[in-house]
Amino acid sequence: MVVDWIHQLLYWTSIEMGWVSVAFLDGSAHRRLITGLDKPSAVAVDPLRGLLFWADCGVSPKIESAGLDGCDRKALVTSSIRQPVALSLDMPRQLLYWFDEGMRRISRVNLDGRQRKTVVESNGYLDRAFGLSVFEGFVYWSDKVTRSICRANKHNGRDLQALLSNVTSPGGVLIIQPVLQPKGPSVCGRPRAVCHHKCVIDLLTQGPKFSCVSPEIGRNKTEEIPAISRSVPATALSDPTFLGILSLIVFLSVLLVGMAAWWWRKEFQPYRSLTVQSFSLKESQDPLVIQEPPMGSDTRIVKETLLKRDLDGE
């Protein structure tokens, strides 16, 4: 059983019925997705890339993949495999891990089926593993025979540790960490099918239908969307984190412009005032400023004085 946190879907296997099923998390609708399997024993999902993986431990054991809508089915591992009973994804490195109970080993492969590698060999703690999970540099598993929860280096199987012992009926292993469920664009049903607005999922059609819906349809033509369906919004600019960053950028920009304007006024406005003031002082008749008499004024004064004396002498 595995959860698609992007599209809010639940996938699970049924060994008795031989199929992989899918349902909405609220249980409002469910359907068989992959049928005709022998003994499907494990399932994993990568909603960011639109991929579904499952293991079959029947007569012809194998590990396969398909799109989230069940199409584009592909066999990843078909040889040197006996009884795969657990799957786990290392999403950052795009690797698929599985435990083979028949061979008592943990192996891994790329999501396209290449570069297969055995990570952990039988070491006394791989007799009957059931749960499997990968996180950071380790692979974790539970073992029903040793009744323990163990971990080892996910690359080479070293640094083996029994984290818990004497566990009563150990089952699945699940690591809860937000980084293991990253947010991303809405891959609509299969790889590279990314919606710009939202992905609408209908589980009541002949095959699960994943379809992209434009904003206009989402607002004005909601009657065209099936009644029992779920819409998954794509990553938009209204994300709270993005809005917070955008607000901070706008605030800092306004603050920077204001500081620049204040600095300009402080540096250049006083010089401008002083220049205007100096011109007005030259043009005014300030009594404190001693002005030179105009050219020829002294000669006129002397002549007037001599003329006055001549008149007085007569």
C-alpha atoms as a PDB file:
ATOM      1  CA  MET A   1       0.000   0.000   0.000  1.00  0.00           C
ATOM      2  CA  VAL A   2       1.332   3.437  -0.944  1.00  0.00           C
ATOM      3  CA  VAL A   3       0.036   7.033  -1.048  1.00  0.00           C
ATOM      4  CA  ASP A   4       0.302   9.458  -3.966  1.00  0.00           C
ATOM      5  CA  TRP A   5       0.449  12.732  -2.010  1.00  0.00           C
ATOM      6  CA  ILE A   6       0.326  14.907  -5.142  1.00  0.00           C
ATOM      7  CA  HIS A   7      -2.918  13.528  -6.604  1.00  0.00           C
ATOM      8  CA  GLN A   8      -4.372  12.346  -3.258  1.00  0.00           C
ATOM      9  CA  LEU A   9      -4.593   8.709  -4.371  1.00  0.00           C
ATOM     10  CA  LEU A  10      -4.032   5.383  -2.637  1.00  0.00           C
ATOM     11  CA  TYR A  11      -2.558   2.361  -4.461  1.00  0.00           C
ATOM     12  CA  TRP A  12      -2.517  -1.197  -3.128  1.00  0.00           C
ATOM     13  CA  THR A  13      -2.022  -4.782  -4.292  1.00  0.00           C
ATOM     14  CA  SER A  14      -4.150  -7.897  -3.853  1.00  0.00           C
ATOM     15  CA  ILE A  15      -2.275 -11.210  -4.067  1.00  0.00           C
ATOM     16  CA  GLU A  16      -5.498 -13.238  -4.054  1.00  0.00           C
ATOM     17  CA  MET A  17      -7.172 -11.279  -6.871  1.00  0.00           C
ATOM     18  CA  GLY A  18      -4.013 -10.563  -8.855  1.00  0.00           C
ATOM     19  CA  TRP A  19      -4.416  -6.841  -9.365  1.00  0.00           C
ATOM     20  CA  VAL A  20      -3.249  -3.370  -8.358  1.00  0.00           C
ATOM     21  CA  SER A  21      -6.043  -1.011  -7.318  1.00  0.00           C
ATOM     22  CA  VAL A  22      -6.353   2.746  -6.874  1.00  0.00           C
ATOM     23  CA  ALA A  23      -8.736   4.913  -4.844  1.00  0.00           C
ATOM     24  CA  PHE A  24      -9.215   8.457  -3.656  1.00  0.00           C
ATOM     25  CA  LEU A  25      -7.951   8.962  -0.123  1.00  0.00           C
ATOM     26  CA  ASP A  26     -11.465   9.717   1.115  1.00  0.00           C
ATOM     27  CA  GLY A  27     -12.759   6.425  -0.333  1.00  0.00           C
ATOM     28  CA  SER A  28     -15.312   8.136  -2.598  1.00  0.00           C
ATOM     29  CA  ALA A  29     -14.247   6.059  -5.622  1.00  0.00           C
ATOM     30  CA  HIS A  30     -11.904   3.178  -6.375  1.00  0.00           C
ATOM     31  CA  ARG A  31     -11.129   0.814  -9.241  1.00  0.00           C
ATOM     32  CA  ARG A  32      -8.794  -1.904 -10.459  1.00  0.00           C
ATOM     33  CA  LEU A  33      -5.837  -0.386 -12.277  1.00  0.00           C
ATOM     34  CA  ILE A  34      -3.560  -3.304 -13.289  1.00  0.00           C
ATOM     35  CA  THR A  35      -5.146  -6.746 -13.701  1.00  0.00           C
ATOM     36  CA  GLY A  36      -4.061 -10.216 -14.811  1.00  0.00           C
ATOM     37  CA  LEU A  37      -1.112 -10.407 -12.420  1.00  0.00           C
ATOM     38  CA  ASP A  38      -0.043 -13.631 -10.717  1.00  0.00           C
ATOM     39  CA  LYS A  39       0.872 -12.582  -7.164  1.00  0.00           C
ATOM     40  CA  PRO A  40       1.415  -8.818  -6.892  1.00  0.00           C
ATOM     41  CA  SER A  41       3.220  -8.373  -3.594  1.00  0.00           C
ATOM     42  CA  ALA A  42       4.411  -4.761  -3.363  1.00  0.00           C
ATOM     43  CA  VAL A  43       3.804  -1.334  -4.874  1.00  0.00           C
ATOM     44  CA  ALA A  44       5.603   2.029  -4.971  1.00  0.00           C
ATOM     45  CA  VAL A  45       4.765   5.375  -6.585  1.00  0.00           C
ATOM     46  CA  ASP A  46       6.672   8.410  -7.813  1.00  0.00           C
ATOM     47  CA  PRO A  47       3.975  11.058  -8.441  1.00  0.00           C
ATOM     48  CA  LEU A  48       6.486  13.732  -9.440  1.00  0.00           C
ATOM     49  CA  ARG A  49       7.529  11.657 -12.445  1.00  0.00           C
ATOM     50  CA  GLY A  50       4.154  10.004 -12.963  1.00  0.00           C
ATOM     51  CA  LEU A  51       5.420   6.448 -12.397  1.00  0.00           C
ATOM     52  CA  LEU A  52       3.930   3.434 -10.626  1.00  0.00           C
ATOM     53  CA  PHE A  53       5.989   0.333  -9.708  1.00  0.00           C
ATOM     54  CA  TRP A  54       4.896  -3.103  -8.521  1.00  0.00           C
ATOM     55  CA  ALA A  55       6.464  -6.493  -7.791  1.00  0.00           C
ATOM     56  CA  ASP A  56       5.017  -9.879  -8.776  1.00  0.00           C
ATOM     57  CA  CYS A  57       6.272 -12.925  -6.863  1.00  0.00           C
ATOM     58  CA  GLY A  58       4.294 -15.521  -8.841  1.00  0.00           C
ATOM     59  CA  VAL A  59       5.472 -18.188 -11.272  1.00  0.00           C
ATOM     60  CA  SER A  60       7.271 -15.598 -13.394  1.00  0.00           C
ATOM     61  CA  PRO A  61       8.577 -13.154 -10.788  1.00  0.00           C
ATOM     62  CA  LYS A  62       9.285  -9.655 -12.035  1.00  0.00           C
ATOM     63  CA  ILE A  63       9.201  -5.957 -11.239  1.00  0.00           C
ATOM     64  CA  GLU A  64       7.262  -3.676 -13.585  1.00  0.00           C
ATOM     65  CA  SER A  65       6.384  -0.019 -14.011  1.00  0.00           C
ATOM     66  CA  ALA A  66       3.632   2.023 -15.672  1.00  0.00           C
ATOM     67  CA  GLY A  67       2.149   5.494 -15.713  1.00  0.00           C
ATOM     68  CA  LEU A  68      -0.219   6.503 -12.933  1.00  0.00           C
ATOM     69  CA  ASP A  69      -3.090   5.686 -15.305  1.00  0.00           C
ATOM     70  CA  GLY A  70      -1.796   2.131 -15.837  1.00  0.00           C
ATOM     71  CA  CYS A  71      -0.574   2.767 -19.386  1.00  0.00           C
ATOM     72  CA  ASP A  72       2.941   2.444 -20.819  1.00  0.00           C
ATOM     73  CA  ARG A  73       3.606  -0.769 -18.917  1.00  0.00           C
ATOM     74  CA  LYS A  74       7.258  -1.849 -18.833  1.00  0.00           C
ATOM     75  CA  ALA A  75       9.204  -4.741 -17.248  1.00  0.00           C
ATOM     76  CA  LEU A  76      12.218  -3.528 -15.251  1.00  0.00           C
ATOM     77  CA  VAL A  77      13.569  -6.728 -13.633  1.00  0.00           C
ATOM     78  CA  THR A  78      12.855 -10.203 -15.022  1.00  0.00           C
ATOM     79  CA  SER A  79      16.035 -12.224 -14.388  1.00  0.00           C
ATOM     80  CA  SER A  80      17.896 -13.331 -11.238  1.00  0.00           C
ATOM     81  CA  ILE A  81      14.787 -12.684  -9.179  1.00  0.00           C
ATOM     82  CA  ARG A  82      12.748 -15.201  -7.172  1.00  0.00           C
ATOM     83  CA  GLN A  83      10.382 -13.689  -4.634  1.00  0.00           C
ATOM     84  CA  PRO A  84      10.274  -9.875  -4.492  1.00  0.00           C
ATOM     85  CA  VAL A  85       8.126  -8.913  -1.537  1.00  0.00           C
ATOM     86  CA  ALA A  86       9.010  -5.275  -0.758  1.00  0.00           C
ATOM     87  CA  LEU A  87       9.716  -2.115  -2.774  1.00  0.00           C
ATOM     88  CA  SER A  88      11.018   1.321  -1.851  1.00  0.00           C
ATOM     89  CA  LEU A  89      12.034   4.397  -3.854  1.00  0.00           C
ATOM     90  CA  ASP A  90      15.057   6.621  -3.419  1.00  0.00           C
ATOM     91  CA  MET A  91      13.492   9.589  -5.212  1.00  0.00           C
ATOM     92  CA  PRO A  92      16.428  12.047  -5.079  1.00  0.00           C
ATOM     93  CA  ARG A  93      18.721   9.492  -6.754  1.00  0.00           C
ATOM     94  CA  GLN A  94      15.948   7.964  -8.922  1.00  0.00           C
ATOM     95  CA  LEU A  95      16.577   4.411  -7.721  1.00  0.00           C
ATOM     96  CA  LEU A  96      14.182   1.566  -6.959  1.00  0.00           C
ATOM     97  CA  TYR A  97      15.111  -0.845  -4.112  1.00  0.00           C
ATOM     98  CA  TRP A  98      13.542  -4.255  -3.506  1.00  0.00           C
ATOM     99  CA  PHE A  99      13.927  -7.181  -1.148  1.00  0.00           C
ATOM    100  CA  ASP A 100      14.021 -10.681  -2.641  1.00  0.00           C
ATOM    101  CA  GLU A 101      12.967 -13.178   0.025  1.00  0.00           C
ATOM    102  CA  GLY A 102      13.949 -16.132  -2.163  1.00  0.00           C
ATOM    103  CA  MET A 103      17.502 -14.862  -2.638  1.00  0.00           C
ATOM    104  CA  ARG A 104      17.755 -13.098   0.745  1.00  0.00           C
ATOM    105  CA  ARG A 105      19.164  -9.887  -0.610  1.00  0.00           C
ATOM    106  CA  ILE A 106      18.326  -6.239  -1.133  1.00  0.00           C
ATOM    107  CA  SER A 107      19.006  -4.900  -4.618  1.00  0.00           C
ATOM    108  CA  ARG A 108      18.420  -1.714  -6.535  1.00  0.00           C
ATOM    109  CA  VAL A 109      17.988  -0.550 -10.131  1.00  0.00           C
ATOM    110  CA  ASN A 110      17.504   2.711 -12.017  1.00  0.00           C
ATOM    111  CA  LEU A 111      13.925   3.705 -12.776  1.00  0.00           C
ATOM    112  CA  ASP A 112      14.466   2.648 -16.387  1.00  0.00           C
ATOM    113  CA  GLY A 113      15.699  -0.829 -15.385  1.00  0.00           C
ATOM    114  CA  ARG A 114      19.426  -0.258 -15.912  1.00  0.00           C
ATOM    115  CA  GLN A 115      22.472  -0.379 -13.611  1.00  0.00           C
ATOM    116  CA  ARG A 116      21.233  -3.120 -11.332  1.00  0.00           C
ATOM    117  CA  LYS A 117      23.221  -3.693  -8.142  1.00  0.00           C
ATOM    118  CA  THR A 118      23.007  -5.934  -5.063  1.00  0.00           C
ATOM    119  CA  VAL A 119      23.283  -3.789  -1.937  1.00  0.00           C
ATOM    120  CA  VAL A 120      22.813  -6.124   1.060  1.00  0.00           C
ATOM    121  CA  GLU A 121      23.483  -9.879   0.998  1.00  0.00           C
ATOM    122  CA  SER A 122      22.132 -12.451   3.461  1.00  0.00           C
ATOM    123  CA  ASN A 123      23.728 -11.607   6.805  1.00  0.00           C
ATOM    124  CA  GLY A 124      21.575 -13.240   9.454  1.00  0.00           C
ATOM    125  CA  TYR A 125      19.095 -10.368   9.415  1.00  0.00           C
ATOM    126  CA  LEU A 126      17.591 -10.968   5.971  1.00  0.00           C
ATOM    127  CA  ASP A 127      15.777 -14.250   6.536  1.00  0.00           C
ATOM    128  CA  ARG A 128      12.249 -12.980   6.012  1.00  0.00           C
ATOM    129  CA  ALA A 129      12.172  -9.247   5.509  1.00  0.00           C
ATOM    130  CA  PHE A 130       8.788  -7.629   5.108  1.00  0.00           C
ATOM    131  CA  GLY A 131       9.015  -3.835   5.233  1.00  0.00           C
ATOM    132  CA  LEU A 132      11.568  -1.791   3.292  1.00  0.00           C
ATOM    133  CA  SER A 133      12.354   1.928   3.260  1.00  0.00           C
ATOM    134  CA  VAL A 134      15.191   4.194   2.089  1.00  0.00           C
ATOM    135  CA  PHE A 135      16.184   7.458   3.744  1.00  0.00           C
ATOM    136  CA  GLU A 136      19.330   9.543   3.414  1.00  0.00           C
ATOM    137  CA  GLY A 137      22.322   7.159   3.389  1.00  0.00           C
ATOM    138  CA  PHE A 138      20.592   4.026   4.713  1.00  0.00           C
ATOM    139  CA  VAL A 139      18.161   1.311   3.753  1.00  0.00           C
ATOM    140  CA  TYR A 140      15.824   0.110   6.542  1.00  0.00           C
ATOM    141  CA  TRP A 141      13.923  -3.167   6.788  1.00  0.00           C
ATOM    142  CA  SER A 142      11.999  -5.365   9.200  1.00  0.00           C
ATOM    143  CA  ASP A 143      12.636  -9.100   9.594  1.00  0.00           C
ATOM    144  CA  LYS A 144      10.023 -11.506  10.931  1.00  0.00           C
ATOM    145  CA  VAL A 145      12.446 -14.315  11.777  1.00  0.00           C
ATOM    146  CA  THR A 146      14.860 -12.243  13.864  1.00  0.00           C
ATOM    147  CA  ARG A 147      11.987  -9.976  14.976  1.00  0.00           C
ATOM    148  CA  SER A 148      14.114  -6.901  14.426  1.00  0.00           C
ATOM    149  CA  ILE A 149      14.289  -3.554  12.645  1.00  0.00           C
ATOM    150  CA  CYS A 150      17.639  -3.103  10.899  1.00  0.00           C
ATOM    151  CA  ARG A 151      19.491  -0.696   8.669  1.00  0.00           C
ATOM    152  CA  ALA A 152      22.618  -0.685   6.505  1.00  0.00           C
ATOM    153  CA  ASN A 153      24.448   1.583   4.088  1.00  0.00           C
ATOM    154  CA  LYS A 154      22.254   1.913   0.999  1.00  0.00           C
ATOM    155  CA  HIS A 155      25.231   1.803  -1.380  1.00  0.00           C
ATOM    156  CA  ASN A 156      27.250  -1.181  -0.144  1.00  0.00           C
ATOM    157  CA  GLY A 157      25.423  -2.787   2.802  1.00  0.00           C
ATOM    158  CA  ARG A 158      28.062  -1.814   5.356  1.00  0.00           C
ATOM    159  CA  ASP A 159      27.469  -0.369   8.840  1.00  0.00           C
ATOM    160  CA  LEU A 160      24.747  -2.930   9.591  1.00  0.00           C
ATOM    161  CA  GLN A 161      22.780  -2.105  12.739  1.00  0.00           C
ATOM    162  CA  ALA A 162      19.894  -3.831  14.497  1.00  0.00           C
ATOM    163  CA  LEU A 163      17.971  -0.777  15.685  1.00  0.00           C
ATOM    164  CA  LEU A 164      15.219  -2.709  17.474  1.00  0.00           C
ATOM    165  CA  SER A 165      15.142  -6.301  18.720  1.00  0.00           C
ATOM    166  CA  ASN A 166      12.412  -8.628  20.015  1.00  0.00           C
ATOM    167  CA  VAL A 167       9.725  -6.780  18.071  1.00  0.00           C
ATOM    168  CA  THR A 168       6.403  -8.594  18.118  1.00  0.00           C
ATOM    169  CA  SER A 169       5.296  -9.353  14.542  1.00  0.00           C
ATOM    170  CA  PRO A 170       7.262  -6.619  12.746  1.00  0.00           C
ATOM    171  CA  GLY A 171       5.467  -5.469   9.609  1.00  0.00           C
ATOM    172  CA  GLY A 172       5.950  -2.583   7.221  1.00  0.00           C
ATOM    173  CA  VAL A 173       8.568   0.115   7.720  1.00  0.00           C
ATOM    174  CA  LEU A 174       7.527   3.702   7.068  1.00  0.00           C
ATOM    175  CA  ILE A 175       9.686   6.789   7.579  1.00  0.00           C
ATOM    176  CA  ILE A 176       7.769  10.033   8.152  1.00  0.00           C
ATOM    177  CA  GLN A 177       9.724  13.027   6.868  1.00  0.00           C
ATOM    178  CA  PRO A 178       8.466  15.980   4.747  1.00  0.00           C
ATOM    179  CA  VAL A 179      11.470  15.720   2.438  1.00  0.00           C
ATOM    180  CA  LEU A 180      10.213  12.281   1.360  1.00  0.00           C
ATOM    181  CA  GLN A 181       7.032  13.880  -0.016  1.00  0.00           C
ATOM    182  CA  PRO A 182       8.307  16.894  -1.969  1.00  0.00           C
ATOM    183  CA  LYS A 183       5.941  19.261  -3.731  1.00  0.00           C
ATOM    184  CA  GLY A 184       6.093  19.643  -7.457  1.00  0.00           C
ATOM    185  CA  PRO A 185       4.118  20.208 -10.651  1.00  0.00           C
ATOM    186  CA  SER A 186       1.047  18.104 -11.289  1.00  0.00           C
ATOM    187  CA  VAL A 187       2.202  15.261 -13.540  1.00  0.00           C
ATOM    188  CA  CYS A 188      -1.084  14.207 -15.053  1.00  0.00           C
ATOM    189  CA  GLY A 189      -1.179  10.437 -15.343  1.00  0.00           C
ATOM    190  CA  ARG A 190       2.103   9.702 -17.091  1.00  0.00           C
ATOM    191  CA  PRO A 191       5.657  11.032 -17.391  1.00  0.00           C
ATOM    192  CA  ARG A 192       6.144  14.462 -18.989  1.00  0.00           C
ATOM    193  CA  ALA A 193       2.382  15.153 -18.992  1.00  0.00           C
ATOM    194  CA  VAL A 194       2.479  18.288 -16.840  1.00  0.00           C
ATOM    195  CA  CYS A 195      -0.561  20.532 -16.374  1.00  0.00           C
ATOM    196  CA  HIS A 196      -0.175  24.300 -16.244  1.00  0.00           C
ATOM    197  CA  HIS A 197      -3.351  24.746 -14.178  1.00  0.00           C
ATOM    198  CA  LYS A 198      -4.793  21.544 -12.705  1.00  0.00           C
ATOM    199  CA  CYS A 199      -5.089  17.813 -13.312  1.00  0.00           C
ATOM    200  CA  VAL A 200      -8.554  16.258 -13.077  1.00  0.00           C
ATOM    201  CA  ILE A 201      -8.756  12.550 -12.260  1.00  0.00           C
ATOM    202  CA  ASP A 202     -11.768  10.376 -13.057  1.00  0.00           C
ATOM    203  CA  LEU A 203     -11.801   6.821 -11.721  1.00  0.00           C
ATOM    204  CA  LEU A 204     -15.198   5.857 -13.149  1.00  0.00           C
ATOM    205  CA  THR A 205     -14.284   5.763 -16.830  1.00  0.00           C
ATOM    206  CA  GLN A 206     -13.216   2.614 -18.647  1.00  0.00           C
ATOM    207  CA  GLY A 207      -9.646   3.411 -17.690  1.00  0.00           C
ATOM    208  CA  PRO A 208      -8.560   5.967 -15.077  1.00  0.00           C
ATOM    209  CA  LYS A 209      -8.662   9.307 -16.848  1.00  0.00           C
ATOM    210  CA  PHE A 210      -6.105  11.996 -16.047  1.00  0.00           C
ATOM    211  CA  SER A 211      -6.780  15.224 -17.945  1.00  0.00           C
ATOM    212  CA  CYS A 212      -5.468  18.781 -17.798  1.00  0.00           C
ATOM    213  CA  VAL A 213      -8.078  21.505 -17.328  1.00  0.00           C
ATOM    214  CA  SER A 214      -7.569  25.167 -18.236  1.00  0.00           C
ATOM    215  CA  PRO A 215      -8.522  27.989 -15.826  1.00  0.00           C
ATOM    216  CA  GLU A 216     -11.534  28.889 -18.003  1.00  0.00           C
ATOM    217  CA  ILE A 217     -12.951  25.371 -17.801  1.00  0.00           C
ATOM    218  CA  GLY A 218     -12.238  25.256 -14.115  1.00  0.00           C
ATOM    219  CA  ARG A 219     -14.322  28.436 -13.578  1.00  0.00           C
ATOM    220  CA  ASN A 220     -17.014  28.430 -16.216  1.00  0.00           C
ATOM    221  CA  LYS A 221     -17.507  24.812 -17.293  1.00  0.00           C
ATOM    222  CA  THR A 222     -17.402  22.812 -14.098  1.00  0.00           C
ATOM    223  CA  GLU A 223     -20.302  20.716 -15.369  1.00  0.00           C
ATOM    224  CA  GLU A 224     -17.920  19.099 -17.864  1.00  0.00           C
ATOM    225  CA  ILE A 225     -15.813  17.640 -15.047  1.00  0.00           C
ATOM    226  CA  PRO A 226     -17.055  14.194 -13.889  1.00  0.00           C
ATOM    227  CA  ALA A 227     -18.966  14.218 -10.621  1.00  0.00           C
ATOM    228  CA  ILE A 228     -16.630  11.796  -8.886  1.00  0.00           C
ATOM    229  CA  SER A 229     -13.242  13.224  -9.644  1.00  0.00           C
ATOM    230  CA  ARG A 230     -10.459  15.125  -8.002  1.00  0.00           C
ATOM    231  CA  SER A 231      -8.606  18.159  -9.281  1.00  0.00           C
ATOM    232  CA  VAL A 232      -4.982  18.654  -8.400  1.00  0.00           C
ATOM    233  CA  PRO A 233      -3.757  22.264  -8.721  1.00  0.00           C
ATOM    234  CA  ALA A 234      -0.406  22.820 -10.336  1.00  0.00           C
ATOM    235  CA  THR A 235       2.286  24.730  -8.509  1.00  0.00           C
ATOM    236  CA  ALA A 236       1.232  28.382  -8.816  1.00  0.00           C
ATOM    237  CA  LEU A 237       2.530  31.812  -7.914  1.00  0.00           C
ATOM    238  CA  SER A 238       0.044  31.981  -5.031  1.00  0.00           C
ATOM    239  CA  ASP A 239       2.163  29.673  -2.945  1.00  0.00           C
ATOM    240  CA  PRO A 240       2.579  31.302   0.528  1.00  0.00           C
ATOM    241  CA  THR A 241       6.332  30.892   0.461  1.00  0.00           C
ATOM    242  CA  PHE A 242       6.584  32.544  -2.937  1.00  0.00           C
ATOM    243  CA  LEU A 243       4.319  35.427  -1.873  1.00  0.00           C
ATOM    244  CA  GLY A 244       6.427  35.989   1.214  1.00  0.00           C
ATOM    245  CA  ILE A 245       9.607  36.164  -0.830  1.00  0.00           C
ATOM    246  CA  LEU A 246       7.946  38.455  -3.391  1.00  0.00           C
ATOM    247  CA  SER A 247       6.709  40.812  -0.645  1.00  0.00           C
ATOM    248  CA  LEU A 248      10.182  40.972   0.862  1.00  0.00           C
ATOM    249  CA  ILE A 249      11.720  41.797  -2.534  1.00  0.00           C
ATOM    250  CA  VAL A 250       9.176  44.588  -3.135  1.00  0.00           C
ATOM    251  CA  PHE A 251       9.755  46.036   0.346  1.00  0.00           C
ATOM    252  CA  LEU A 252      13.527  46.043  -0.059  1.00  0.00           C
ATOM    253  CA  SER A 253      13.231  47.637  -3.512  1.00  0.00           C
ATOM    254  CA  VAL A 254      11.051  50.469  -2.184  1.00  0.00           C
ATOM    255  CA  LEU A 255      13.404  50.971   0.755  1.00  0.00           C
ATOM    256  CA  LEU A 256      16.417  51.126  -1.566  1.00  0.00           C
ATOM    257  CA  VAL A 257      14.756  53.715  -3.838  1.00  0.00           C
ATOM    258  CA  GLY A 258      13.812  55.847  -0.827  1.00  0.00           C
ATOM    259  CA  MET A 259      17.347  55.779   0.559  1.00  0.00           C
ATOM    260  CA  ALA A 260      18.775  56.735  -2.841  1.00  0.00           C
ATOM    261  CA  ALA A 261      16.401  59.711  -3.123  1.00  0.00           C
ATOM    262  CA  TRP A 262      17.249  60.873   0.398  1.00  0.00           C
ATOM    263  CA  TRP A 263      21.002  60.650  -0.307  1.00  0.00           C
ATOM    264  CA  TRP A 264      20.639  62.616  -3.545  1.00  0.00           C
ATOM    265  CA  ARG A 265      18.768  65.443  -1.846  1.00  0.00           C
ATOM    266  CA  LYS A 266      21.281  65.572   0.987  1.00  0.00           C
ATOM    267  CA  GLU A 267      24.302  65.651  -1.302  1.00  0.00           C
ATOM    268  CA  PHE A 268      23.183  68.002  -4.092  1.00  0.00           C
ATOM    269  CA  GLN A 269      20.406  70.300  -2.806  1.00  0.00           C
ATOM    270  CA  PRO A 270      22.632  72.475  -0.466  1.00  0.00           C
ATOM    271  CA  TYR A 271      25.058  73.330  -3.289  1.00  0.00           C
ATOM    272  CA  ARG A 272      22.217  74.392  -5.470  1.00  0.00           C
ATOM    273  CA  SER A 273      20.849  76.733  -2.778  1.00  0.00           C
ATOM    274  CA  LEU A 274      24.281  78.268  -2.173  1.00  0.00           C
ATOM    275  CA  THR A 275      24.774  78.991  -5.865  1.00  0.00           C
ATOM    276  CA  VAL A 276      21.439  80.788  -6.155  1.00  0.00           C
ATOM    277  CA  GLN A 277      22.157  82.731  -2.986  1.00  0.00           C
ATOM    278  CA  SER A 278      25.547  83.937  -4.284  1.00  0.00           C
ATOM    279  CA  PHE A 279      23.933  85.276  -7.439  1.00  0.00           C
ATOM    280  CA  SER A 280      21.301  87.185  -5.464  1.00  0.00           C
ATOM    281  CA  LEU A 281      23.991  88.812  -3.286  1.00  0.00           C
ATOM    282  CA  LYS A 282      25.789  90.232  -6.339  1.00  0.00           C
ATOM    283  CA  GLU A 283      22.589  91.673  -7.724  1.00  0.00           C
ATOM    284  CA  SER A 284      21.384  93.299  -4.471  1.00  0.00           C
ATOM    285  CA  GLN A 285      22.538  96.648  -3.009  1.00  0.00           C
ATOM    286  CA  ASP A 286      23.620  95.305   0.327  1.00  0.00           C
ATOM    287  CA  PRO A 287      24.847  98.226   2.566  1.00  0.00           C
ATOM    288  CA  LEU A 288      27.579  95.988   3.935  1.00  0.00           C
ATOM    289  CA  VAL A 289      29.146  95.736   0.507  1.00  0.00           C
ATOM    290  CA  ILE A 290      31.415  98.679  -0.394  1.00  0.00           C
ATOM    291  CA  GLN A 291      30.941  99.376  -4.052  1.00  0.00           C
ATOM    292  CA  GLU A 292      33.538 101.139  -6.198  1.00  0.00           C
ATOM    293  CA  PRO A 293      32.356 104.386  -7.840  1.00  0.00           C
ATOM    294  CA  PRO A 294      31.915 104.249 -11.546  1.00  0.00           C
ATOM    295  CA  MET A 295      34.712 105.305 -13.881  1.00  0.00           C
ATOM    296  CA  GLY A 296      35.032 109.154 -14.290  1.00  0.00           C
ATOM    297  CA  SER A 297      33.131 110.112 -11.141  1.00  0.00           C
ATOM    298  CA  ASP A 298      36.249 111.550  -9.348  1.00  0.00           C
ATOM    299  CA  THR A 299      37.045 113.935 -12.283  1.00  0.00           C
ATOM    300  CA  ARG A 300      33.498 115.342 -12.257  1.00  0.00           C
ATOM    301  CA  ILE A 301      33.664 116.060  -8.526  1.00  0.00           C
ATOM    302  CA  VAL A 302      37.005 117.978  -8.871  1.00  0.00           C
ATOM    303  CA  LYS A 303      35.658 120.114 -11.721  1.00  0.00           C
ATOM    304  CA  GLU A 304      32.545 121.030  -9.758  1.00  0.00           C
ATOM    305  CA  THR A 305      34.688 122.059  -6.740  1.00  0.00           C
ATOM    306  CA  LEU A 306      36.971 124.345  -8.817  1.00  0.00           C
ATOM    307  CA  LEU A 307      33.983 125.997 -10.502  1.00  0.00           C
ATOM    308  CA  LYS A 308      32.416 126.705  -7.122  1.00  0.00           C
ATOM    309  CA  ARG A 309      35.639 128.393  -5.862  1.00  0.00           C
ATOM    310  CA  ASP A 310      35.828 130.642  -8.957  1.00  0.00           C
ATOM    311  CA  LEU A 311      32.310 131.836  -8.382  1.00  0.00           C
ATOM    312  CA  ASP A 312      33.004 132.524  -4.723  1.00  0.00           C
ATOM    313  CA  GLY A 313      36.136 134.537  -5.679  1.00  0.00           C
ATOM    314  CA  GLU A 314      34.195 136.823  -7.963  1.00  0.00           C
END
